[in-house]
């Protein structure tokens, strides 16, 4: 896991977030993937407003407020609660970067504690957008 992983998703809509005196400072992307829905915070407003209704490749991380081992082996999203399986871990600068698979959506979780590959975690927090691009021509090629 040398770089962050992109996810191909449909951006359903881009919704303005905090606004002051007519200036919008952040936004939310509402996405669909594999029959699931999620909301992703875009603090840097890197997603274009016209992204709605289109497929895009997103790099996503989670700003966790709590992380616990999950009871069971189910993946899913419910509001600000995410349950998924750790599929990769690497250490960097004294922190552990985990790649968490949530029903096919790959998100990055950075923790001071290392969780083993294969463990299911229940994470409470916010999904954050790290990067966005239009799908590359070979994005649908089998890996």
Protein backbone atom coordinates (compact mmCIF):
# COMPACT_ATOMS: atom_id res chain seq x y z
CA UNK A 1 0.00 0.00 0.00
CA UNK A 2 2.29 2.74 -1.27
CA UNK A 3 -0.35 5.29 -2.25
CA UNK A 4 -3.98 5.83 -1.47
CA UNK A 5 -6.47 3.69 -3.35
CA UNK A 6 -9.05 5.17 -5.71
CA UNK A 7 -12.70 4.01 -5.66
CA UNK A 8 -14.94 4.28 -8.73
CA UNK A 9 -18.29 5.66 -7.55
CA UNK A 10 -21.23 7.63 -8.86
CA UNK A 11 -21.48 11.12 -7.40
CA UNK A 12 -25.21 11.58 -6.91
CA UNK A 13 -24.99 15.22 -5.84
CA UNK A 14 -22.61 17.85 -4.51
CA UNK A 15 -24.12 19.80 -1.63
CA UNK A 16 -22.75 23.07 -0.18
CA UNK A 17 -21.60 22.92 3.44
CA UNK A 18 -20.58 25.86 5.63
CA UNK A 19 -21.42 29.25 4.19
CA UNK A 20 -20.72 32.78 5.42
CA UNK A 21 -21.64 36.00 3.63
CA UNK A 22 -22.37 34.16 0.39
CA UNK A 23 -19.10 32.23 0.35
CA UNK A 24 -19.22 28.44 0.62
CA UNK A 25 -16.23 27.01 2.50
CA UNK A 26 -16.76 23.24 2.24
CA UNK A 27 -19.14 20.74 0.68
CA UNK A 28 -20.53 17.20 0.83
CA UNK A 29 -20.48 14.59 -1.91
CA UNK A 30 -23.28 12.06 -1.80
CA UNK A 31 -22.22 8.89 -3.59
CA UNK A 32 -23.53 5.50 -4.63
CA UNK A 33 -21.45 2.37 -5.14
CA UNK A 34 -22.46 -1.26 -5.48
CA UNK A 35 -25.99 -0.54 -4.22
CA UNK A 36 -24.74 1.40 -1.17
CA UNK A 37 -24.85 5.12 -0.36
CA UNK A 38 -22.44 7.31 1.58
CA UNK A 39 -21.73 10.98 2.25
CA UNK A 40 -18.18 12.30 1.99
CA UNK A 41 -16.94 15.61 3.40
CA UNK A 42 -14.94 17.75 0.96
CA UNK A 43 -13.20 20.30 3.18
CA UNK A 44 -10.96 21.62 0.41
CA UNK A 45 -13.80 21.80 -2.17
CA UNK A 46 -11.78 19.83 -4.70
CA UNK A 47 -14.83 18.19 -6.31
CA UNK A 48 -16.33 20.25 -9.11
CA UNK A 49 -19.99 21.17 -8.77
CA UNK A 50 -20.68 19.52 -12.14
CA UNK A 51 -19.55 16.12 -10.73
CA UNK A 52 -23.17 15.29 -9.90
CA UNK A 53 -24.57 12.39 -11.88
CA UNK A 54 -21.15 11.22 -13.09
CA UNK A 55 -18.73 8.42 -12.28
CA UNK A 56 -15.55 9.56 -10.57
CA UNK A 57 -12.53 8.02 -8.90
CA UNK A 58 -12.25 9.10 -5.26
CA UNK A 59 -9.55 8.69 -2.64
CA UNK A 60 -11.29 8.55 0.75
CA UNK A 61 -10.12 8.53 4.35
CA UNK A 62 -12.01 8.40 7.62
CA UNK A 63 -11.57 10.84 10.49
CA UNK A 64 -12.46 8.43 13.27
CA UNK A 65 -13.86 9.36 16.66
CA UNK A 66 -13.92 5.71 17.79
CA UNK A 67 -12.53 2.43 16.47
CA UNK A 68 -13.44 -0.96 17.94
CA UNK A 69 -13.29 -4.58 16.83
CA UNK A 70 -16.60 -5.47 15.18
CA UNK A 71 -18.74 -8.34 16.38
CA UNK A 72 -19.21 -10.40 13.25
CA UNK A 73 -18.02 -10.14 9.69
CA UNK A 74 -20.51 -7.79 8.04
CA UNK A 75 -19.53 -4.65 6.15
CA UNK A 76 -21.71 -1.60 5.81
CA UNK A 77 -22.45 2.06 6.37
CA UNK A 78 -25.12 3.48 8.63
CA UNK A 79 -24.95 7.25 9.06
CA UNK A 80 -21.54 8.00 10.57
CA UNK A 81 -20.87 4.35 11.51
CA UNK A 82 -18.78 2.16 9.23
CA UNK A 83 -18.03 -1.54 9.55
CA UNK A 84 -15.41 -3.14 7.37
CA UNK A 85 -12.51 -5.53 6.99
CA UNK A 86 -8.85 -4.49 7.11
CA UNK A 87 -7.25 -5.60 3.84
CA UNK A 88 -3.81 -3.95 4.22
CA UNK A 89 -1.69 -2.22 6.88
CA UNK A 90 1.58 -0.33 6.74
CA UNK A 91 3.56 1.66 9.29
CA UNK A 92 4.59 5.21 8.49
CA UNK A 93 6.13 7.74 10.88
CA UNK A 94 4.99 5.83 13.97
CA UNK A 95 1.40 5.55 12.76
CA UNK A 96 -0.42 2.64 11.16
CA UNK A 97 -2.21 3.21 7.88
CA UNK A 98 -5.03 0.71 7.46
CA UNK A 99 -6.96 0.08 4.27
CA UNK A 100 -10.51 -0.74 5.30
CA UNK A 101 -12.91 -2.41 2.86
CA UNK A 102 -16.52 -1.41 3.50
CA UNK A 103 -18.65 -3.45 1.14
CA UNK A 104 -16.26 -2.70 -1.73
CA UNK A 105 -15.45 0.91 -0.78
CA UNK A 106 -11.79 1.22 0.21
CA UNK A 107 -11.07 3.88 2.82
CA UNK A 108 -7.90 4.81 4.68
CA UNK A 109 -7.80 4.78 8.46
CA UNK A 110 -4.76 6.08 10.34
CA UNK A 111 -4.33 4.89 13.94
CA UNK A 112 -1.62 4.80 16.59
CA UNK A 113 -2.61 1.17 17.18
CA UNK A 114 -2.08 -1.55 14.60
CA UNK A 115 -5.04 -3.75 13.74
CA UNK A 116 -4.32 -7.04 11.94
CA UNK A 117 -5.24 -7.72 8.32
CA UNK A 118 -8.51 -9.64 8.22
CA UNK A 119 -9.96 -8.04 11.37
CA UNK A 120 -13.35 -6.37 11.11
CA UNK A 121 -13.63 -2.92 12.68
CA UNK A 122 -16.57 -0.77 13.71
CA UNK A 123 -15.57 2.85 13.09
CA UNK A 124 -17.49 5.95 14.05
CA UNK A 125 -16.48 9.14 12.27
CA UNK A 126 -16.59 11.12 9.04
CA UNK A 127 -15.53 10.11 5.55
CA UNK A 128 -13.23 12.72 3.98
CA UNK A 129 -12.39 13.30 0.32
CA UNK A 130 -8.65 13.31 -0.37
CA UNK A 131 -8.67 13.37 -4.17
CA UNK A 132 -11.04 13.12 -7.14
CA UNK A 133 -10.60 12.48 -10.84
CA UNK A 134 -12.61 11.28 -13.82
CA UNK A 135 -12.26 7.53 -14.33
CA UNK A 136 -9.24 6.60 -16.41
CA UNK A 137 -9.90 4.70 -19.64
CA UNK A 138 -8.53 1.46 -18.12
CA UNK A 139 -10.35 1.88 -14.78
CA UNK A 140 -12.67 -1.01 -15.63
CA UNK A 141 -9.88 -3.43 -16.61
CA UNK A 142 -9.60 -6.47 -14.30
CA UNK A 143 -6.81 -6.26 -11.77
